[in-house]
C-alpha atoms as a PDB file:
ATOM      1  CA  MET A   1    -127.156  -1.756-128.414  1.00  0.00           C
ATOM      2  CA  ARG A   2    -124.608  -4.566-128.637  1.00  0.00           C
ATOM      3  CA  VAL A   3    -125.583  -8.210-128.134  1.00  0.00           C
ATOM      4  CA  SER A   4    -123.302 -11.250-128.053  1.00  0.00           C
ATOM      5  CA  VAL A   5    -124.576 -14.561-129.449  1.00  0.00           C
ATOM      6  CA  ARG A   6    -122.860 -17.908-128.857  1.00  0.00           C
ATOM      7  CA  PHE A   7    -123.847 -20.806-131.084  1.00  0.00           C
ATOM      8  CA  LEU A   8    -123.836 -24.110-129.204  1.00  0.00           C
ATOM      9  CA  SER A   9    -123.884 -27.740-130.346  1.00  0.00           C
ATOM     10  CA  THR A  10    -123.751 -28.313-134.087  1.00  0.00           C
ATOM     11  CA  LEU A  11    -125.213 -24.898-134.824  1.00  0.00           C
ATOM     12  CA  GLY A  12    -121.795 -23.235-134.483  1.00  0.00           C
ATOM     13  CA  SER A  13    -120.280 -25.670-136.965  1.00  0.00           C
ATOM     14  CA  LEU A  14    -123.100 -25.150-139.436  1.00  0.00           C
ATOM     15  CA  ILE A  15    -122.921 -21.358-139.109  1.00  0.00           C
ATOM     16  CA  GLY A  16    -119.128 -21.378-139.381  1.00  0.00           C
ATOM     17  CA  SER A  17    -118.666 -19.343-136.209  1.00  0.00           C
ATOM     18  CA  ARG A  18    -119.034 -20.039-132.504  1.00  0.00           C
ATOM     19  CA  GLN A  19    -119.806 -16.450-131.513  1.00  0.00           C
ATOM     20  CA  VAL A  20    -120.890 -13.162-133.084  1.00  0.00           C
ATOM     21  CA  GLU A  21    -121.518  -9.698-131.739  1.00  0.00           C
ATOM     22  CA  LEU A  22    -124.077  -7.535-133.402  1.00  0.00           C
ATOM     23  CA  SER A  23    -125.830  -4.258-133.045  1.00  0.00           C
ATOM     24  CA  LEU A  24    -129.594  -4.144-132.589  1.00  0.00           C
ATOM     25  CA  PRO A  25    -132.000  -1.262-132.043  1.00  0.00           C
ATOM     26  CA  GLU A  26    -132.952  -0.365-128.482  1.00  0.00           C
ATOM     27  CA  LYS A  27    -135.825  -2.489-127.118  1.00  0.00           C
ATOM     28  CA  ALA A  28    -135.139  -5.273-129.639  1.00  0.00           C
ATOM     29  CA  SER A  29    -136.598  -8.645-128.686  1.00  0.00           C
ATOM     30  CA  VAL A  30    -135.318 -12.192-128.972  1.00  0.00           C
ATOM     31  CA  ALA A  31    -137.550 -12.508-132.064  1.00  0.00           C
ATOM     32  CA  ASP A  32    -135.798  -9.479-133.604  1.00  0.00           C
ATOM     33  CA  LEU A  33    -132.442 -11.089-132.888  1.00  0.00           C
ATOM     34  CA  ALA A  34    -133.532 -14.394-134.454  1.00  0.00           C
ATOM     35  CA  GLN A  35    -134.731 -12.545-137.555  1.00  0.00           C
ATOM     36  CA  ARG A  36    -131.419 -10.673-137.866  1.00  0.00           C
ATOM     37  CA  LEU A  37    -129.472 -13.938-137.562  1.00  0.00           C
ATOM     38  CA  GLN A  38    -131.626 -15.523-140.262  1.00  0.00           C
ATOM     39  CA  GLU A  39    -130.831 -12.578-142.541  1.00  0.00           C
ATOM     40  CA  MET A  40    -127.107 -12.836-141.750  1.00  0.00           C
ATOM     41  CA  TYR A  41    -126.996 -16.613-142.332  1.00  0.00           C
ATOM     42  CA  PRO A  42    -129.681 -17.339-144.960  1.00  0.00           C
ATOM     43  CA  GLN A  43    -128.301 -20.823-145.655  1.00  0.00           C
ATOM     44  CA  GLN A  44    -129.131 -21.748-142.037  1.00  0.00           C
ATOM     45  CA  ALA A  45    -132.303 -19.655-141.688  1.00  0.00           C
ATOM     46  CA  ALA A  46    -134.588 -22.663-141.141  1.00  0.00           C
ATOM     47  CA  LEU A  47    -132.378 -23.961-138.332  1.00  0.00           C
ATOM     48  CA  LEU A  48    -132.071 -20.530-136.734  1.00  0.00           C
ATOM     49  CA  ALA A  49    -135.870 -20.205-136.802  1.00  0.00           C
ATOM     50  CA  GLN A  50    -136.129 -23.455-134.816  1.00  0.00           C
ATOM     51  CA  ALA A  51    -133.253 -22.721-132.445  1.00  0.00           C
ATOM     52  CA  VAL A  52    -133.765 -22.206-128.729  1.00  0.00           C
ATOM     53  CA  TYR A  53    -132.458 -18.848-127.494  1.00  0.00           C
ATOM     54  CA  MET A  54    -131.373 -18.417-123.890  1.00  0.00           C
ATOM     55  CA  LEU A  55    -130.719 -15.011-122.355  1.00  0.00           C
ATOM     56  CA  ASP A  56    -128.011 -14.862-119.724  1.00  0.00           C
ATOM     57  CA  GLU A  57    -128.241 -18.677-119.406  1.00  0.00           C
ATOM     58  CA  LYS A  58    -131.993 -18.654-118.694  1.00  0.00           C
ATOM     59  CA  SER A  59    -134.775 -19.748-121.002  1.00  0.00           C
ATOM     60  CA  THR A  60    -136.621 -16.952-122.661  1.00  0.00           C
ATOM     61  CA  SER A  61    -139.528 -16.255-125.005  1.00  0.00           C
ATOM     62  CA  ALA A  62    -139.494 -14.595-128.401  1.00  0.00           C
ATOM     63  CA  GLN A  63    -141.045 -11.446-126.882  1.00  0.00           C
ATOM     64  CA  THR A  64    -138.328 -11.006-124.250  1.00  0.00           C
ATOM     65  CA  GLU A  65    -136.670  -7.617-124.580  1.00  0.00           C
ATOM     66  CA  LEU A  66    -132.877  -7.595-124.841  1.00  0.00           C
ATOM     67  CA  ALA A  67    -130.594  -5.159-123.042  1.00  0.00           C
ATOM     68  CA  ASP A  68    -127.262  -3.716-124.085  1.00  0.00           C
ATOM     69  CA  GLY A  69    -124.511  -6.239-123.419  1.00  0.00           C
ATOM     70  CA  ALA A  70    -126.876  -9.223-123.320  1.00  0.00           C
ATOM     71  CA  GLN A  71    -125.309 -12.674-123.638  1.00  0.00           C
ATOM     72  CA  VAL A  72    -127.492 -14.954-125.765  1.00  0.00           C
ATOM     73  CA  LEU A  73    -126.993 -18.671-126.342  1.00  0.00           C
ATOM     74  CA  ALA A  74    -128.461 -20.228-129.499  1.00  0.00           C
ATOM     75  CA  LEU A  75    -128.786 -23.990-129.648  1.00  0.00           C
ATOM     76  CA  LEU A  76    -130.618 -26.697-131.511  1.00  0.00           C
ATOM     77  CA  VAL A  77    -132.667 -29.161-129.553  1.00  0.00           C
ATOM     78  CA  LEU A  78    -132.486 -32.532-131.217  1.00  0.00           C
ATOM     79  CA  SER A  79    -134.551 -35.568-130.433  1.00  0.00           C
ATOM     80  CA  GLY A  80    -134.658 -39.062-131.699  1.00  0.00           C
ATOM     81  CA  GLY A  81    -134.222 -42.591-130.701  1.00  0.00           C
END
């Protein structure tokens, strides 16, 4: 199945791309997607492991199953004062 991932905030700059499309096996989860992204971008693997992933603009869990054509947003949540 095909999944589209948009990198928001500084994550896109760090990755070097604002959006990627990739192929995942049927019934892949958000955790599977995160793992694939970490393999694709090993220099940013730690950030991708901490990123928040939203499916079709809604918050999701790592166990959420993806569907063909899913639109995923990946963003870093920063805090500080």
